[in-house]
Protein backbone atom coordinates (compact mmCIF):
# COMPACT_ATOMS: atom_id res chain seq x y z
CA MET A 1 31.58 14.03 6.55
CA ALA A 2 29.74 13.41 3.25
CA THR A 3 29.79 9.93 1.78
CA ALA A 4 31.16 9.08 -1.65
CA GLY A 5 29.24 10.82 -4.39
CA THR A 6 27.80 13.37 -1.94
CA ALA A 7 30.49 16.07 -1.84
CA PRO A 8 29.58 19.38 -0.16
CA ARG A 9 27.96 21.89 -2.51
CA ARG A 10 27.82 25.64 -2.41
CA SER A 11 24.65 26.57 -0.58
CA ARG A 12 21.95 28.39 -2.55
CA ARG A 13 18.39 29.37 -1.69
CA GLU A 14 15.19 29.43 -3.69
CA PRO A 15 11.92 30.95 -2.46
CA MET A 16 9.22 28.45 -1.57
CA SER A 17 5.77 28.81 -3.14
CA ARG A 18 2.93 30.07 -0.96
CA VAL A 19 1.05 26.78 -1.02
CA ASP A 20 4.18 24.73 -0.22
CA THR A 21 4.84 27.16 2.65
CA ALA A 22 1.34 26.56 3.99
CA TRP A 23 1.98 22.79 4.11
CA LEU A 24 5.36 23.31 5.77
CA ARG A 25 3.75 25.39 8.51
CA MET A 26 0.88 22.93 9.10
CA GLU A 27 3.27 20.54 10.88
CA ARG A 28 1.97 19.61 14.34
CA PRO A 29 3.18 17.06 16.93
CA THR A 30 -0.27 15.45 16.59
CA ASN A 31 -0.19 15.46 12.77
CA PRO A 32 3.25 15.31 11.10
CA MET A 33 2.90 16.55 7.51
CA MET A 34 4.41 13.45 5.88
CA ILE A 35 3.22 11.37 3.00
CA THR A 36 4.05 7.77 3.94
CA GLY A 37 4.16 4.86 1.49
CA VAL A 38 4.94 1.14 1.50
CA LEU A 39 6.13 -1.02 -1.39
CA MET A 40 6.15 -4.79 -0.93
CA LEU A 41 8.84 -6.45 -3.05
CA ALA A 42 8.71 -10.07 -4.20
CA GLU A 43 12.45 -10.67 -3.69
CA ARG A 44 15.13 -9.44 -1.31
CA MET A 45 16.50 -6.02 -2.17
CA PRO A 46 20.16 -5.30 -1.30
CA VAL A 47 20.43 -1.81 0.21
CA ALA A 48 23.40 -0.94 -2.04
CA ARG A 49 21.28 -1.58 -5.14
CA LEU A 50 18.46 0.54 -3.73
CA ARG A 51 20.80 3.45 -2.99
CA LYS A 52 22.02 3.46 -6.60
CA VAL A 53 18.45 3.78 -7.86
CA ILE A 54 17.58 6.51 -5.33
CA GLN A 55 20.72 8.47 -6.21
CA ARG A 56 20.13 8.33 -9.98
CA ARG A 57 16.36 8.55 -10.29
CA PHE A 58 15.38 10.49 -7.18
CA VAL A 59 18.18 12.78 -6.01
CA ASP A 60 19.84 13.50 -9.38
CA ALA A 61 16.54 13.63 -11.29
CA TYR A 62 14.88 15.96 -8.74
CA PRO A 63 17.51 18.33 -7.26
CA ARG A 64 14.98 19.69 -4.76
CA PHE A 65 15.42 16.51 -2.74
CA ARG A 66 18.95 17.72 -1.95
CA CYS A 67 17.37 20.79 -0.34
CA LYS A 68 15.93 21.33 3.11
CA PRO A 69 13.10 23.78 3.80
CA VAL A 70 14.07 26.79 5.90
CA ASP A 71 11.31 28.91 7.42
CA ALA A 72 11.86 32.51 8.42
CA PRO A 73 9.68 35.54 9.23
CA ALA A 74 10.37 36.92 5.76
CA GLY A 75 9.19 33.68 4.14
CA ALA A 76 10.19 30.06 3.61
CA SER A 77 12.84 28.93 1.13
CA TRP A 78 14.64 25.86 -0.19
CA GLN A 79 18.31 25.65 0.82
CA ASP A 80 20.90 23.18 -0.48
CA ASP A 81 22.10 20.77 2.18
CA GLU A 82 25.88 21.30 2.06
CA HIS A 83 26.45 18.02 3.90
CA PHE A 84 23.92 15.87 2.09
CA ASP A 85 24.40 12.21 3.06
CA LEU A 86 22.51 9.60 1.04
CA ASP A 87 23.27 6.89 3.60
CA TRP A 88 21.28 8.84 6.19
CA HIS A 89 18.28 9.11 3.87
CA VAL A 90 18.28 5.47 2.70
CA ARG A 91 18.28 3.32 5.84
CA LEU A 92 18.41 -0.43 6.42
CA SER A 93 15.83 -1.60 8.99
CA ALA A 94 14.61 -4.87 10.48
CA LEU A 95 11.35 -6.00 12.00
CA PRO A 96 11.26 -7.60 15.44
CA ALA A 97 10.87 -11.38 15.44
CA ARG A 98 7.15 -12.16 15.58
CA GLY A 99 6.82 -15.65 14.23
CA ASN A 100 7.15 -16.74 10.65
CA THR A 101 3.55 -16.50 9.43
CA ALA A 102 2.49 -13.94 6.82
CA GLY A 103 -0.04 -12.50 9.29
CA SER A 104 2.51 -11.95 12.04
CA GLU A 105 4.96 -10.34 9.61
CA LYS A 106 2.23 -8.04 8.31
CA ARG A 107 1.33 -6.95 11.83
CA ALA A 108 5.00 -6.27 12.59
CA LEU A 109 5.36 -4.18 9.43
CA GLU A 110 2.16 -2.25 10.23
CA LYS A 111 3.56 -1.46 13.68
CA PHE A 112 6.88 -0.35 12.14
CA VAL A 113 5.11 1.91 9.64
CA SER A 114 2.93 3.28 12.46
CA GLN A 115 6.02 4.30 14.42
CA LEU A 116 7.53 6.02 11.37
CA ALA A 117 4.26 7.80 10.56
CA SER A 118 4.23 9.14 14.15
CA SER A 119 7.84 10.39 14.07
CA PRO A 120 8.65 13.79 12.53
CA LEU A 121 11.54 14.03 10.09
CA ASP A 122 14.80 15.75 11.07
CA LYS A 123 14.41 19.44 10.16
CA SER A 124 18.18 19.91 9.90
CA ARG A 125 18.19 17.73 6.76
CA PRO A 126 16.08 17.35 3.62
CA LEU A 127 12.74 16.04 4.82
CA TRP A 128 12.57 12.55 3.32
CA GLN A 129 13.74 9.00 4.06
CA PHE A 130 13.56 5.49 2.60
CA HIS A 131 13.57 2.61 5.11
CA LEU A 132 14.39 -0.78 3.60
CA VAL A 133 13.13 -3.81 5.54
CA GLU A 134 15.43 -6.40 4.01
CA HIS A 135 13.45 -9.50 5.07
CA TYR A 136 9.68 -9.44 4.64
CA GLN A 137 7.48 -12.34 3.52
CA GLY A 138 10.20 -13.89 1.39
CA GLY A 139 11.17 -10.54 -0.12
CA SER A 140 11.63 -6.99 1.18
CA ALA A 141 9.49 -3.99 2.09
CA LEU A 142 10.32 -0.36 1.42
CA VAL A 143 8.80 2.39 3.59
CA VAL A 144 8.97 5.92 2.18
CA ARG A 145 8.45 9.18 4.09
CA ILE A 146 8.40 12.56 2.32
CA HIS A 147 7.20 15.86 3.75
CA HIS A 148 4.13 17.34 2.10
CA CYS A 149 5.88 20.66 1.44
CA TYR A 150 7.92 19.02 -1.37
CA ALA A 151 4.87 18.02 -3.37
CA ASP A 152 1.30 16.77 -3.18
CA GLY A 153 0.38 13.09 -3.15
CA ILE A 154 -0.39 12.93 -6.88
CA ALA A 155 3.05 14.30 -7.78
CA LEU A 156 4.90 12.16 -5.25
CA ILE A 157 3.23 8.97 -6.43
CA GLN A 158 4.45 9.80 -9.94
CA VAL A 159 7.94 10.55 -8.59
CA LEU A 160 8.06 7.20 -6.78
CA LEU A 161 6.77 5.37 -9.86
CA SER A 162 9.54 7.00 -11.88
CA LEU A 163 11.94 4.85 -9.83
CA THR A 164 10.35 1.76 -11.37
CA ASP A 165 10.57 -0.08 -14.70
CA THR A 166 8.12 -2.13 -16.74
CA SER A 167 10.58 -5.03 -17.07
CA ALA A 168 12.95 -6.89 -14.75
CA ASP A 169 15.55 -7.07 -17.54
CA ALA A 170 17.89 -4.10 -17.24
CA HIS A 171 18.49 -4.15 -21.01
CA LYS A 172 14.77 -4.04 -21.79
CA ALA A 173 13.77 -1.80 -18.90
CA ARG A 174 11.98 1.39 -19.89
CA PRO A 175 10.47 4.14 -17.76
CA LEU A 176 6.81 3.86 -16.92
CA ALA A 177 4.56 5.90 -19.20
CA LYS A 178 1.78 8.12 -17.84
CA THR A 179 -0.96 6.54 -19.91
CA TRP A 180 -3.03 5.47 -16.89
CA LEU A 181 -3.56 9.05 -15.70
CA LYS A 182 -6.85 10.78 -16.47
CA ASP A 183 -7.22 14.44 -17.32
CA ASP A 184 -9.54 15.30 -14.44
CA GLY A 185 -7.70 17.89 -12.39
CA ALA A 186 -6.19 19.68 -15.38
CA GLY A 187 -9.70 20.19 -16.72
CA VAL A 188 -10.74 21.77 -13.42
CA ALA A 189 -7.78 24.15 -13.58
CA ARG A 190 -8.49 25.17 -17.17
CA ARG A 191 -12.21 25.72 -16.57
CA VAL A 192 -11.66 27.92 -13.59
CA GLY A 193 -8.34 29.60 -14.41
CA ALA A 194 -6.99 32.77 -12.75
CA ILE A 195 -5.62 31.10 -9.61
CA GLU A 196 -4.01 34.36 -8.49
CA ARG A 197 -7.43 35.96 -8.28
CA TYR A 198 -8.69 33.27 -5.94
CA THR A 199 -5.57 33.67 -3.85
CA ARG A 200 -6.40 37.37 -3.46
CA LEU A 201 -9.95 36.49 -2.45
CA GLY A 202 -8.62 34.00 0.08
CA GLY A 203 -6.24 36.65 1.42
CA LYS A 204 -9.06 39.14 1.90
CA MET A 205 -11.08 36.51 3.70
CA LEU A 206 -8.15 35.66 5.99
CA GLY A 207 -7.49 39.35 6.58
CA LYS A 208 -10.96 39.63 8.10
CA GLY A 209 -10.08 37.03 10.70
CA MET A 210 -12.13 34.16 9.27
CA GLU A 211 -15.43 35.95 10.01
CA MET A 212 -16.96 35.73 6.55
CA VAL A 213 -20.19 34.06 7.54
CA GLN A 214 -20.86 36.49 10.38
CA ASP A 215 -19.54 39.62 8.58
CA PRO A 216 -22.09 41.08 6.10
CA SER A 217 -19.56 43.58 4.71
CA LEU A 218 -17.12 40.82 3.73
CA ALA A 219 -19.89 38.73 2.20
CA ALA A 220 -20.98 41.78 0.17
CA MET A 221 -17.38 42.38 -0.95
CA LEU A 222 -17.07 38.81 -2.20
CA ALA A 223 -20.42 38.91 -3.93
CA LYS A 224 -19.22 41.99 -5.80
CA GLU A 225 -15.79 40.48 -6.53
CA GLY A 226 -16.44 37.02 -7.61
CA GLY A 227 -19.67 35.58 -8.96
CA GLU A 228 -19.43 31.78 -8.78
CA ILE A 229 -16.09 31.67 -7.01
CA ALA A 230 -17.30 33.99 -4.24
CA ARG A 231 -20.44 31.94 -3.79
CA GLU A 232 -18.36 28.76 -3.50
CA LEU A 233 -16.22 30.41 -0.83
CA LEU A 234 -19.30 31.43 1.11
CA VAL A 235 -20.76 27.91 0.82
CA ALA A 236 -17.49 26.31 2.00
CA LEU A 237 -17.27 28.55 5.05
CA ALA A 238 -20.95 28.17 5.85
CA LEU A 239 -20.68 24.36 6.08
CA PRO A 240 -21.55 23.25 9.62
CA ASP A 241 -18.98 21.41 11.68
CA ASP A 242 -19.00 17.64 11.31
CA PRO A 243 -21.19 15.98 13.98
CA PRO A 244 -19.57 14.65 17.16
CA SER A 245 -18.57 10.99 16.92
CA MET A 246 -16.00 8.54 18.21
CA LEU A 247 -13.90 9.43 15.14
CA ARG A 248 -13.32 12.96 16.42
CA GLY A 249 -11.63 13.99 19.64
CA ARG A 250 -8.44 15.23 21.21
CA LEU A 251 -5.49 13.89 19.22
CA GLY A 252 -2.36 12.25 20.58
CA VAL A 253 1.08 11.88 19.03
CA SER A 254 0.82 8.24 17.94
CA LYS A 255 -0.53 6.99 14.61
CA ARG A 256 -1.78 3.53 13.71
CA VAL A 257 -1.80 2.20 10.14
CA ALA A 258 -3.27 -0.90 8.54
CA TRP A 259 -4.08 -2.14 5.06
CA ALA A 260 -6.57 -4.65 3.68
CA PRO A 261 -6.11 -7.57 1.28
CA PRO A 262 -6.45 -6.20 -2.27
CA LEU A 263 -9.72 -6.29 -4.22
CA ASP A 264 -10.04 -7.31 -7.86
CA LEU A 265 -10.31 -4.10 -9.90
CA ASP A 266 -12.43 -5.80 -12.58
CA GLU A 267 -15.04 -6.66 -9.93
CA VAL A 268 -15.07 -3.04 -8.69
CA LYS A 269 -15.57 -1.84 -12.27
CA ALA A 270 -18.39 -4.36 -12.72
CA VAL A 271 -20.25 -2.91 -9.72
CA GLY A 272 -19.70 0.59 -11.08
CA ARG A 273 -21.12 -0.36 -14.48
CA ALA A 274 -24.10 -2.12 -12.91
CA CYS A 275 -25.10 0.90 -10.85
CA GLY A 276 -24.05 3.61 -13.31
CA CYS A 277 -21.40 5.16 -11.09
CA THR A 278 -17.61 5.39 -10.92
CA VAL A 279 -15.00 3.13 -9.36
CA ASN A 280 -14.28 5.91 -6.88
CA ASP A 281 -17.96 6.07 -5.85
CA VAL A 282 -18.00 2.30 -5.20
CA LEU A 283 -14.84 2.35 -3.11
CA MET A 284 -15.82 5.37 -1.02
CA ALA A 285 -19.25 3.81 -0.37
CA ALA A 286 -17.51 0.63 0.82
CA ALA A 287 -15.28 2.74 3.08
CA ALA A 288 -18.35 4.48 4.54
CA GLY A 289 -19.90 1.07 5.21
CA ALA A 290 -16.76 -0.16 6.95
CA LEU A 291 -16.68 2.91 9.20
CA ARG A 292 -20.40 2.53 9.94
CA ASP A 293 -20.04 -1.09 11.02
CA TYR A 294 -16.99 -0.30 13.19
CA MET A 295 -18.76 2.63 14.86
CA LEU A 296 -21.83 0.53 15.60
CA GLU A 297 -19.69 -2.21 17.17
CA ARG A 298 -18.04 0.41 19.37
CA GLY A 299 -21.46 1.65 20.54
CA ASP A 300 -21.61 4.93 18.60
CA ASP A 301 -25.07 6.16 17.59
CA VAL A 302 -24.84 6.69 13.83
CA ALA A 303 -28.57 7.02 13.06
CA GLY A 304 -28.97 9.59 10.28
CA MET A 305 -25.30 10.62 10.54
CA THR A 306 -23.31 11.94 7.59
CA LEU A 307 -19.60 12.60 8.01
CA ARG A 308 -17.38 14.47 5.57
CA ALA A 309 -14.01 13.63 4.11
CA THR A 310 -11.73 16.16 2.45
CA VAL A 311 -10.68 14.77 -0.92
CA PRO A 312 -7.69 16.16 -2.89
CA VAL A 313 -8.35 17.13 -6.53
CA ASN A 314 -5.40 17.40 -8.90
CA LEU A 315 -5.13 20.85 -10.56
CA ARG A 316 -1.99 20.38 -12.63
CA PRO A 317 -1.88 19.51 -16.36
CA LEU A 318 -0.94 15.90 -17.04
CA GLU A 319 2.31 16.87 -18.74
CA HIS A 320 3.38 18.30 -15.38
CA ALA A 321 2.34 15.25 -13.36
CA ARG A 322 5.88 14.59 -12.14
CA LYS A 323 6.74 18.18 -11.26
CA LEU A 324 7.20 18.90 -7.59
CA GLY A 325 5.16 21.38 -5.57
CA ASN A 326 1.57 21.31 -4.36
CA HIS A 327 -1.02 21.91 -7.07
CA PHE A 328 -4.28 20.54 -5.77
CA GLY A 329 -7.51 21.69 -4.23
CA LEU A 330 -9.81 20.06 -1.71
CA VAL A 331 -13.49 19.15 -1.82
CA PHE A 332 -15.80 17.91 0.92
CA LEU A 333 -17.29 14.48 0.20
CA ASP A 334 -20.24 13.11 2.19
CA LEU A 335 -19.77 9.71 3.87
CA PRO A 336 -23.33 8.58 4.80
CA VAL A 337 -22.41 6.32 7.72
CA GLY A 338 -25.97 6.62 9.03
CA GLU A 339 -27.41 4.89 5.95
CA ALA A 340 -27.95 1.16 6.58
CA ASN A 341 -28.74 0.21 2.98
CA PRO A 342 -25.51 -0.34 1.00
CA VAL A 343 -27.18 0.55 -2.31
CA ARG A 344 -28.58 3.83 -1.03
CA ARG A 345 -25.24 4.57 0.59
CA LEU A 346 -23.60 4.17 -2.82
CA GLU A 347 -26.25 6.34 -4.49
CA ARG A 348 -25.69 9.13 -1.98
CA VAL A 349 -21.90 9.06 -2.43
CA ALA A 350 -22.32 9.14 -6.22
CA GLU A 351 -24.78 12.04 -6.03
CA CYS A 352 -22.41 14.08 -3.84
CA MET A 353 -19.47 13.32 -6.15
CA ASN A 354 -21.44 14.47 -9.19
CA GLN A 355 -22.27 17.75 -7.48
CA LEU A 356 -18.63 18.31 -6.60
CA LYS A 357 -17.53 17.73 -10.20
CA ASN A 358 -19.58 20.75 -11.24
CA SER A 359 -18.45 22.97 -8.37
CA ARG A 360 -15.49 25.31 -7.90
CA GLN A 361 -14.74 24.01 -4.41
CA ALA A 362 -11.30 22.63 -5.30
CA ILE A 363 -9.94 25.85 -6.74
CA VAL A 364 -11.37 27.81 -3.80
CA ALA A 365 -9.38 25.58 -1.44
CA PHE A 366 -6.22 26.09 -3.51
CA GLY A 367 -6.60 29.86 -3.25
CA LEU A 368 -7.14 29.62 0.49
CA LEU A 369 -4.01 27.48 0.91
CA ALA A 370 -1.99 30.03 -1.03
CA ALA A 371 -3.38 32.79 1.18
CA LEU A 372 -2.51 30.76 4.27
CA GLY A 373 1.10 30.64 3.09
CA MET A 374 1.22 34.43 3.41
CA ALA A 375 -0.72 34.72 6.66
CA PRO A 376 0.70 35.18 10.19
CA GLN A 377 1.06 31.98 12.20
CA ALA A 378 -1.78 32.87 14.59
CA LEU A 379 -4.18 33.41 11.71
CA GLN A 380 -3.08 30.15 10.11
CA GLU A 381 -4.01 28.34 13.32
CA VAL A 382 -7.50 29.87 13.31
CA ALA A 383 -8.06 29.04 9.63
CA LEU A 384 -6.77 25.48 9.93
CA GLU A 385 -8.97 24.74 12.91
CA LEU A 386 -12.05 26.22 11.24
CA PHE A 387 -11.69 24.08 8.14
CA SER A 388 -10.60 20.89 9.89
CA ARG A 389 -13.76 20.97 12.04
CA LYS A 390 -15.82 20.59 8.87
CA ALA A 391 -14.48 17.09 8.13
CA THR A 392 -13.73 13.89 10.04
CA ALA A 393 -11.35 12.24 7.57
CA VAL A 394 -9.00 12.81 4.66
CA ALA A 395 -9.66 10.45 1.74
CA THR A 396 -7.50 9.86 -1.34
CA ASN A 397 -7.99 7.58 -4.32
CA VAL A 398 -5.13 7.40 -6.82
CA PRO A 399 -5.40 5.30 -10.01
CA GLY A 400 -2.04 3.60 -10.45
CA PRO A 401 -0.61 1.69 -13.42
CA GLN A 402 -2.41 -1.52 -14.32
CA GLN A 403 0.71 -3.52 -15.17
CA PRO A 404 3.45 -5.15 -13.08
CA LEU A 405 6.31 -2.85 -12.10
CA TYR A 406 9.88 -3.56 -11.02
CA LEU A 407 12.19 -1.71 -8.68
CA ALA A 408 15.85 -2.34 -9.51
CA GLY A 409 14.77 -5.54 -11.28
CA ILE A 410 12.60 -6.84 -8.42
CA PRO A 411 8.81 -7.24 -8.88
CA ILE A 412 6.58 -4.96 -6.78
CA ARG A 413 3.77 -7.04 -5.28
CA GLU A 414 1.74 -4.35 -3.55
CA LEU A 415 1.69 -0.57 -3.09
CA MET A 416 0.09 1.57 -0.40
CA PHE A 417 0.42 5.16 0.81
CA TRP A 418 -1.15 7.56 3.32
CA VAL A 419 -1.41 11.35 3.14
CA PRO A 420 -1.23 13.38 6.36
CA GLN A 421 -4.25 14.71 8.21
CA THR A 422 -4.48 18.39 9.10
CA GLY A 423 -5.56 20.33 12.16
CA SER A 424 -7.91 18.31 14.35
CA ILE A 425 -8.60 15.57 11.76
CA GLY A 426 -7.37 12.19 12.98
CA LEU A 427 -8.39 9.74 10.26
CA GLY A 428 -7.01 9.07 6.76
CA ILE A 429 -8.42 6.72 4.11
CA SER A 430 -6.18 5.78 1.17
CA ILE A 431 -7.10 3.85 -1.97
CA LEU A 432 -4.58 2.97 -4.68
CA SER A 433 -5.12 0.71 -7.69
CA TYR A 434 -2.17 -1.21 -9.12
CA ASP A 435 -1.84 -4.20 -11.49
CA ASN A 436 -5.60 -4.78 -11.61
CA CYS A 437 -5.95 -4.75 -7.83
CA VAL A 438 -7.31 -2.14 -5.43
CA HIS A 439 -5.34 -1.54 -2.23
CA PHE A 440 -7.12 0.05 0.73
CA GLY A 441 -5.32 1.50 3.75
CA LEU A 442 -6.18 3.40 6.90
CA ILE A 443 -4.17 5.70 9.16
CA ALA A 444 -5.67 6.97 12.40
CA ASP A 445 -4.81 8.68 15.63
CA ALA A 446 -4.21 5.93 18.16
CA LYS A 447 -6.50 7.58 20.72
CA LEU A 448 -9.43 7.56 18.29
CA ILE A 449 -8.89 4.21 16.54
CA PRO A 450 -6.35 2.08 18.39
CA ASP A 451 -7.26 -0.96 16.24
CA PRO A 452 -7.37 0.13 12.55
CA ASP A 453 -7.33 -3.54 11.52
CA ALA A 454 -10.86 -3.74 12.89
CA VAL A 455 -11.90 -1.14 10.31
CA ILE A 456 -10.00 -2.34 7.26
CA ARG A 457 -11.07 -5.98 7.67
CA ARG A 458 -14.64 -4.71 7.11
CA PHE A 459 -13.78 -3.10 3.79
CA GLY A 460 -13.82 -6.35 1.78
CA PRO A 461 -17.17 -7.56 3.21
CA GLU A 462 -18.75 -4.15 2.54
CA PHE A 463 -17.64 -4.32 -1.06
CA ASP A 464 -18.88 -7.92 -1.28
CA LYS A 465 -22.37 -6.69 -0.34
CA LEU A 466 -22.38 -4.33 -3.31
CA LEU A 467 -20.96 -6.98 -5.62
CA TYR A 468 -23.56 -9.54 -4.52
CA LEU A 469 -26.43 -7.09 -4.92
CA ALA A 470 -25.11 -6.05 -8.33
CA LEU A 471 -25.10 -9.64 -9.48
CA MET A 472 -28.56 -10.39 -8.05
CA SER A 473 -30.30 -7.20 -9.14
CA ASP A 474 -30.89 -5.15 -12.26
CA TRP A 475 -30.29 -2.01 -10.09
CA GLU A 476 -33.57 -0.57 -11.31
CA ARG A 477 -35.74 -1.97 -8.54
CA PRO A 478 -35.53 0.15 -5.36
CA PHE A 479 -34.21 -1.53 -2.22
CA ASP A 480 -35.24 -0.67 1.28
CA SER A 481 -32.83 -1.24 4.13
CA VAL A 482 -34.63 -4.41 5.27
CA ASP A 483 -34.48 -5.91 1.79
CA ALA A 484 -30.75 -5.28 1.41
CA GLU A 485 -29.87 -6.50 4.87
CA ALA A 486 -32.03 -9.60 4.41
CA VAL A 487 -30.31 -10.43 1.15
CA MET A 488 -26.89 -10.14 2.77
CA ASP A 489 -27.91 -12.11 5.86
CA GLY A 490 -28.95 -14.96 3.60
CA ALA A 491 -25.85 -14.77 1.37
């Protein structure tokens, strides 16, 4: 029986977009297609107050969240849940007693989030849930799970931020503006344009059974069809598989998550200015350093090794930032874990990022995802495996608002989220800036990285190396690996 305010509605259906369908069908026991987030609140949040906010600003503002995805041979669609029950979607939870220190509570919350990130959502209902941990470090914690088929990470972050206010005073509260967003992805979409054409190209490629590189006739067809876009497609498919490492292997059904103490965003910007690169370059170089150090400790041979991470690129105009649906492409970013010198590691990440900014890789990936949404299941499996072998991790970096936010009048201390991994990829790196801090999180298959804390605790020290070298150097003098390591050993 529906709860108050959730009376049964007449069921209606709406076709699902091709790209959303692709993400719905990517669900695997080893990789649930959920975007998982955590909000740490400075004060206790009553569940009744939270439900009021979710009803008004989430369910009523975005009617799609009353719908459940229904897949069928003729295509997937959105169907109203006639028995929608808000109480089922907004749940009160508790952590097991693990002492009263901040560290023990954090470990308990990480374990709780790990269990949720490993557990698929109930397909008989709309695929989302909010789990309120009422008592956490003197306040509360809110864990959010939403299936990727509803929207991409960029859109869902904006949806979640639309639940917040810029003031604790209900009379002065006003919705958060979108002034912190940058017009990066929209520019990509406008420069490339004609998404339908790339979908057709992706469909032709899939129709040939993913044999583009080996099939001269298909390569000739694309060369005739597409100029730059065809060349990008050929380059993407011709990428070799990522090298074997301890970060790749047979996946299990359990995930592990962890997050690091936040960094000062002003310090990250200072390193970026000193070396002439972006905040994103600095953070991804620090992540590569943390993975390198962890792999070395575990006995992996990383000499000369470069791994790849798939990085989402927003393709929607900023005025549509809060619209649902998936409107992003993917690019392959090099993570030079075999480079010992932190400065050279940063330079290599920055160089790769600059090359990607001038490529059409993101829009190619969008077209392929749309084509996958039309393809038979068996062909989807082949395509997903082929592309997931080309990367070891998924990496996201979302610039959040640089001001304090409030949820139902309660200050939000920290934010973190993780996007799902696809196919045989078992590692996810998430970076989110908020209120002049940078939050770094990791999600990994428990068989590959059973101790993600051992990775994320290296993130801060790796950044400190770059910060120290930035302060001690004019960044014009070349470093060799011995110089850099010697400087840090003596720091």
